[in-house]
């Protein structure tokens, strides 16, 4: 058997890519945005910030804010039949 090579961002070149017009400095408004418990959010990765980013399979999913943990938030995601809790930085989320 061959060994799988690569990390968690493997095969994500096109999913985590920015549009050409969006290159440059990131928006501070998105970096420090606030959410309250129970808010519904979409997961939309900001590739310029690798801190507290999610796995590729969760890209584009919707979730619910459960709790705040430091600067990040705990988000509940439904993944097929199971529910998963992700810890995400607010720059990777947008309000629904």
N, C-alpha and C. Protein backbone atom coordinates (compact mmCIF):
# COMPACT_ATOMS: atom_id res chain seq x y z
N UNK A 1 0.83 -1.19 0.00
CA UNK A 1 0.00 0.00 0.00
C UNK A 1 0.87 1.24 0.00
N UNK A 2 0.39 2.24 -0.67
CA UNK A 2 1.12 3.50 -0.68
C UNK A 2 0.65 4.39 0.46
N UNK A 3 1.55 5.25 0.90
CA UNK A 3 1.26 6.12 2.03
C UNK A 3 0.73 7.45 1.52
N UNK A 4 -0.30 7.98 2.19
CA UNK A 4 -0.85 9.26 1.79
C UNK A 4 0.09 10.37 2.24
N UNK A 5 0.43 11.25 1.33
CA UNK A 5 1.35 12.33 1.63
C UNK A 5 0.58 13.64 1.65
N UNK A 6 0.82 14.44 2.66
CA UNK A 6 0.20 15.75 2.72
C UNK A 6 -0.56 15.96 4.00
N UNK A 7 -0.92 17.19 4.25
CA UNK A 7 -1.60 17.56 5.48
C UNK A 7 -3.07 17.81 5.28
N UNK A 8 -3.64 18.64 6.17
CA UNK A 8 -5.08 18.86 6.15
C UNK A 8 -5.52 19.79 5.02
N UNK A 9 -4.59 20.56 4.44
CA UNK A 9 -4.98 21.46 3.33
C UNK A 9 -4.63 20.86 1.98
N UNK A 10 -4.39 19.57 1.93
CA UNK A 10 -4.04 18.89 0.69
C UNK A 10 -5.24 18.87 -0.24
N UNK A 11 -5.01 19.08 -1.52
CA UNK A 11 -6.03 19.12 -2.57
C UNK A 11 -7.04 20.25 -2.35
N UNK A 12 -6.60 21.35 -1.79
CA UNK A 12 -7.52 22.47 -1.53
C UNK A 12 -7.12 23.72 -2.31
N UNK A 13 -6.32 23.55 -3.34
CA UNK A 13 -5.80 24.70 -4.07
C UNK A 13 -6.91 25.58 -4.65
N UNK A 14 -7.97 24.99 -5.16
CA UNK A 14 -9.01 25.79 -5.80
C UNK A 14 -10.08 26.23 -4.81
N UNK A 15 -10.34 25.44 -3.78
CA UNK A 15 -11.37 25.81 -2.82
C UNK A 15 -10.96 27.00 -1.97
N UNK A 16 -9.71 27.04 -1.54
CA UNK A 16 -9.25 28.11 -0.65
C UNK A 16 -8.59 29.26 -1.40
N UNK A 17 -8.88 29.39 -2.70
CA UNK A 17 -8.28 30.44 -3.50
C UNK A 17 -9.15 31.69 -3.48
N UNK A 18 -8.51 32.84 -3.44
CA UNK A 18 -9.24 34.11 -3.50
C UNK A 18 -9.47 34.50 -4.95
N UNK A 19 -10.47 35.35 -5.14
CA UNK A 19 -10.68 35.95 -6.44
C UNK A 19 -9.55 36.95 -6.70
N UNK A 20 -9.20 37.20 -7.93
CA UNK A 20 -8.09 38.08 -8.26
C UNK A 20 -8.32 39.48 -7.71
N UNK A 21 -9.56 39.95 -7.72
CA UNK A 21 -9.85 41.30 -7.26
C UNK A 21 -9.84 41.43 -5.74
N UNK A 22 -9.79 40.30 -5.04
CA UNK A 22 -9.83 40.33 -3.58
C UNK A 22 -8.45 40.20 -2.94
N UNK A 23 -7.40 40.14 -3.73
CA UNK A 23 -6.05 40.02 -3.18
C UNK A 23 -5.67 41.31 -2.46
N UNK A 24 -4.71 41.21 -1.58
CA UNK A 24 -4.25 42.38 -0.83
C UNK A 24 -4.55 42.24 0.63
N UNK A 25 -4.57 43.36 1.32
CA UNK A 25 -4.81 43.33 2.76
C UNK A 25 -6.23 42.86 3.07
N UNK A 26 -6.37 42.15 4.17
CA UNK A 26 -7.70 41.67 4.56
C UNK A 26 -8.44 42.78 5.28
N UNK A 27 -9.73 42.67 5.29
CA UNK A 27 -10.57 43.67 5.92
C UNK A 27 -10.54 43.49 7.44
N UNK A 28 -10.25 44.54 8.17
CA UNK A 28 -10.25 44.49 9.63
C UNK A 28 -11.66 44.25 10.15
N UNK A 29 -12.65 44.75 9.43
CA UNK A 29 -14.05 44.56 9.82
C UNK A 29 -14.38 43.07 9.92
N UNK A 30 -13.91 42.28 8.97
CA UNK A 30 -14.16 40.85 9.00
C UNK A 30 -13.32 40.15 10.06
N UNK A 31 -12.14 40.68 10.34
CA UNK A 31 -11.23 40.04 11.29
C UNK A 31 -11.74 40.14 12.72
N UNK A 32 -12.38 41.28 13.06
CA UNK A 32 -12.82 41.48 14.45
C UNK A 32 -14.34 41.47 14.59
N UNK A 33 -15.06 40.88 13.64
CA UNK A 33 -16.52 40.88 13.73
C UNK A 33 -16.98 40.04 14.92
N UNK A 34 -18.11 40.43 15.49
CA UNK A 34 -18.65 39.79 16.68
C UNK A 34 -19.87 38.95 16.31
N UNK A 35 -20.01 37.83 16.99
CA UNK A 35 -21.17 36.97 16.84
C UNK A 35 -21.73 36.69 18.22
N UNK A 36 -23.01 36.44 18.30
CA UNK A 36 -23.60 36.05 19.58
C UNK A 36 -24.03 34.59 19.49
N UNK A 37 -24.24 33.99 20.65
CA UNK A 37 -24.59 32.57 20.71
C UNK A 37 -25.95 32.37 20.05
N UNK A 38 -26.02 31.39 19.17
CA UNK A 38 -27.25 31.09 18.43
C UNK A 38 -27.28 31.67 17.04
N UNK A 39 -26.31 32.54 16.69
CA UNK A 39 -26.26 33.10 15.33
C UNK A 39 -25.95 32.00 14.32
N UNK A 40 -26.54 32.12 13.13
CA UNK A 40 -26.26 31.18 12.05
C UNK A 40 -25.20 31.80 11.15
N UNK A 41 -24.20 31.00 10.77
CA UNK A 41 -23.08 31.51 9.98
C UNK A 41 -22.78 30.55 8.84
N UNK A 42 -22.19 31.11 7.78
CA UNK A 42 -21.64 30.32 6.68
C UNK A 42 -20.14 30.24 6.87
N UNK A 43 -19.55 29.12 6.49
CA UNK A 43 -18.11 28.98 6.54
C UNK A 43 -17.54 29.36 5.19
N UNK A 44 -16.75 30.43 5.21
CA UNK A 44 -16.11 30.92 4.00
C UNK A 44 -14.68 31.26 4.38
N UNK A 45 -13.73 30.47 3.94
CA UNK A 45 -12.35 30.60 4.39
C UNK A 45 -11.69 31.87 3.87
N UNK A 46 -10.86 32.46 4.70
CA UNK A 46 -9.99 33.57 4.32
C UNK A 46 -8.58 32.99 4.23
N UNK A 47 -8.08 32.71 3.02
CA UNK A 47 -6.82 32.00 2.88
C UNK A 47 -5.60 32.78 3.37
N UNK A 48 -5.73 34.10 3.53
CA UNK A 48 -4.59 34.88 4.02
C UNK A 48 -4.35 34.66 5.51
N UNK A 49 -5.35 34.12 6.23
CA UNK A 49 -5.22 33.86 7.66
C UNK A 49 -5.35 32.37 7.86
N UNK A 50 -4.24 31.73 8.32
CA UNK A 50 -4.29 30.29 8.52
C UNK A 50 -4.71 29.92 9.94
N UNK A 51 -4.79 30.91 10.83
CA UNK A 51 -5.13 30.66 12.22
C UNK A 51 -6.58 30.19 12.34
N UNK A 52 -6.79 29.08 13.03
CA UNK A 52 -8.12 28.53 13.32
C UNK A 52 -8.97 28.37 12.05
N UNK A 53 -8.39 27.78 11.03
CA UNK A 53 -9.13 27.50 9.80
C UNK A 53 -9.65 26.06 9.88
N UNK A 54 -10.71 25.77 9.16
CA UNK A 54 -11.35 24.46 9.22
C UNK A 54 -10.81 23.53 8.14
N UNK A 55 -11.23 22.29 8.19
CA UNK A 55 -10.85 21.31 7.17
C UNK A 55 -11.61 21.62 5.88
N UNK A 56 -11.05 21.19 4.76
CA UNK A 56 -11.60 21.52 3.45
C UNK A 56 -13.03 21.01 3.28
N UNK A 57 -13.36 19.87 3.88
CA UNK A 57 -14.69 19.29 3.66
C UNK A 57 -15.82 20.13 4.23
N UNK A 58 -15.51 21.08 5.11
CA UNK A 58 -16.55 21.92 5.70
C UNK A 58 -16.76 23.23 4.95
N UNK A 59 -16.06 23.44 3.84
CA UNK A 59 -16.13 24.71 3.11
C UNK A 59 -17.52 24.91 2.51
N UNK A 60 -18.13 26.05 2.81
CA UNK A 60 -19.44 26.38 2.27
C UNK A 60 -20.60 25.90 3.12
N UNK A 61 -20.34 25.23 4.23
CA UNK A 61 -21.41 24.72 5.08
C UNK A 61 -21.94 25.81 5.99
N UNK A 62 -23.11 25.58 6.54
CA UNK A 62 -23.72 26.51 7.49
C UNK A 62 -23.69 25.87 8.87
N UNK A 63 -23.58 26.71 9.89
CA UNK A 63 -23.54 26.21 11.26
C UNK A 63 -24.13 27.21 12.23
N UNK A 64 -24.13 26.84 13.50
CA UNK A 64 -24.69 27.67 14.57
C UNK A 64 -23.59 27.92 15.61
N UNK A 65 -23.49 29.16 16.07
CA UNK A 65 -22.51 29.52 17.10
C UNK A 65 -22.96 28.93 18.43
N UNK A 66 -22.07 28.17 19.06
CA UNK A 66 -22.36 27.56 20.36
C UNK A 66 -21.79 28.36 21.52
N UNK A 67 -20.54 28.81 21.36
CA UNK A 67 -19.83 29.41 22.48
C UNK A 67 -18.68 30.24 21.95
N UNK A 68 -18.13 31.10 22.79
CA UNK A 68 -16.94 31.86 22.44
C UNK A 68 -15.77 31.27 23.19
N UNK A 69 -14.66 31.09 22.51
CA UNK A 69 -13.47 30.53 23.14
C UNK A 69 -12.28 31.39 22.76
N UNK A 70 -11.90 32.29 23.66
CA UNK A 70 -10.83 33.24 23.37
C UNK A 70 -11.27 34.20 22.28
N UNK A 71 -10.48 34.29 21.22
CA UNK A 71 -10.87 35.12 20.07
C UNK A 71 -11.73 34.34 19.09
N UNK A 72 -11.81 33.05 19.26
CA UNK A 72 -12.50 32.18 18.31
C UNK A 72 -13.89 31.80 18.83
N UNK A 73 -14.62 31.11 17.98
CA UNK A 73 -15.98 30.67 18.32
C UNK A 73 -16.10 29.17 18.07
N UNK A 74 -16.94 28.53 18.88
CA UNK A 74 -17.28 27.14 18.65
C UNK A 74 -18.53 27.11 17.77
N UNK A 75 -18.46 26.38 16.67
CA UNK A 75 -19.55 26.32 15.70
C UNK A 75 -19.99 24.88 15.54
N UNK A 76 -21.29 24.64 15.60
CA UNK A 76 -21.85 23.30 15.42
C UNK A 76 -22.23 23.12 13.96
N UNK A 77 -21.67 22.09 13.34
CA UNK A 77 -21.87 21.81 11.91
C UNK A 77 -22.52 20.43 11.79
N UNK A 78 -23.47 20.30 10.89
CA UNK A 78 -24.04 18.98 10.61
C UNK A 78 -23.28 18.39 9.43
N UNK A 79 -22.60 17.25 9.68
CA UNK A 79 -21.81 16.58 8.67
C UNK A 79 -22.43 15.21 8.42
N UNK A 80 -23.22 15.09 7.36
CA UNK A 80 -24.02 13.91 7.07
C UNK A 80 -24.94 13.62 8.25
N UNK A 81 -24.75 12.53 8.97
CA UNK A 81 -25.66 12.19 10.07
C UNK A 81 -25.13 12.61 11.43
N UNK A 82 -23.89 13.05 11.51
CA UNK A 82 -23.31 13.42 12.80
C UNK A 82 -23.15 14.93 12.90
N UNK A 83 -23.12 15.42 14.12
CA UNK A 83 -22.88 16.85 14.37
C UNK A 83 -21.45 17.01 14.87
N UNK A 84 -20.77 18.02 14.38
CA UNK A 84 -19.38 18.25 14.75
C UNK A 84 -19.21 19.67 15.26
N UNK A 85 -18.32 19.83 16.21
CA UNK A 85 -18.04 21.13 16.79
C UNK A 85 -16.68 21.59 16.30
N UNK A 86 -16.65 22.75 15.63
CA UNK A 86 -15.42 23.31 15.11
C UNK A 86 -15.06 24.56 15.90
N UNK A 87 -13.78 24.82 16.03
CA UNK A 87 -13.31 26.05 16.66
C UNK A 87 -12.75 26.92 15.54
N UNK A 88 -13.41 28.07 15.28
CA UNK A 88 -13.09 28.89 14.11
C UNK A 88 -12.82 30.33 14.49
N UNK A 89 -11.92 30.93 13.75
CA UNK A 89 -11.66 32.36 13.87
C UNK A 89 -12.76 33.11 13.12
N UNK A 90 -13.19 34.27 13.61
CA UNK A 90 -14.31 34.97 12.96
C UNK A 90 -14.05 35.40 11.53
N UNK A 91 -12.79 35.47 11.10
CA UNK A 91 -12.50 35.89 9.73
C UNK A 91 -12.95 34.83 8.73
N UNK A 92 -13.14 33.59 9.17
CA UNK A 92 -13.55 32.51 8.28
C UNK A 92 -15.06 32.31 8.25
N UNK A 93 -15.83 33.21 8.87
CA UNK A 93 -17.28 33.06 8.92
C UNK A 93 -17.95 34.33 8.41
N UNK A 94 -19.17 34.16 7.88
CA UNK A 94 -19.98 35.33 7.55
C UNK A 94 -21.41 35.05 8.00
N UNK A 95 -22.09 36.12 8.43
CA UNK A 95 -23.44 35.96 8.95
C UNK A 95 -24.38 35.49 7.87
N UNK A 96 -25.34 34.69 8.27
CA UNK A 96 -26.30 34.12 7.35
C UNK A 96 -27.49 35.01 7.17
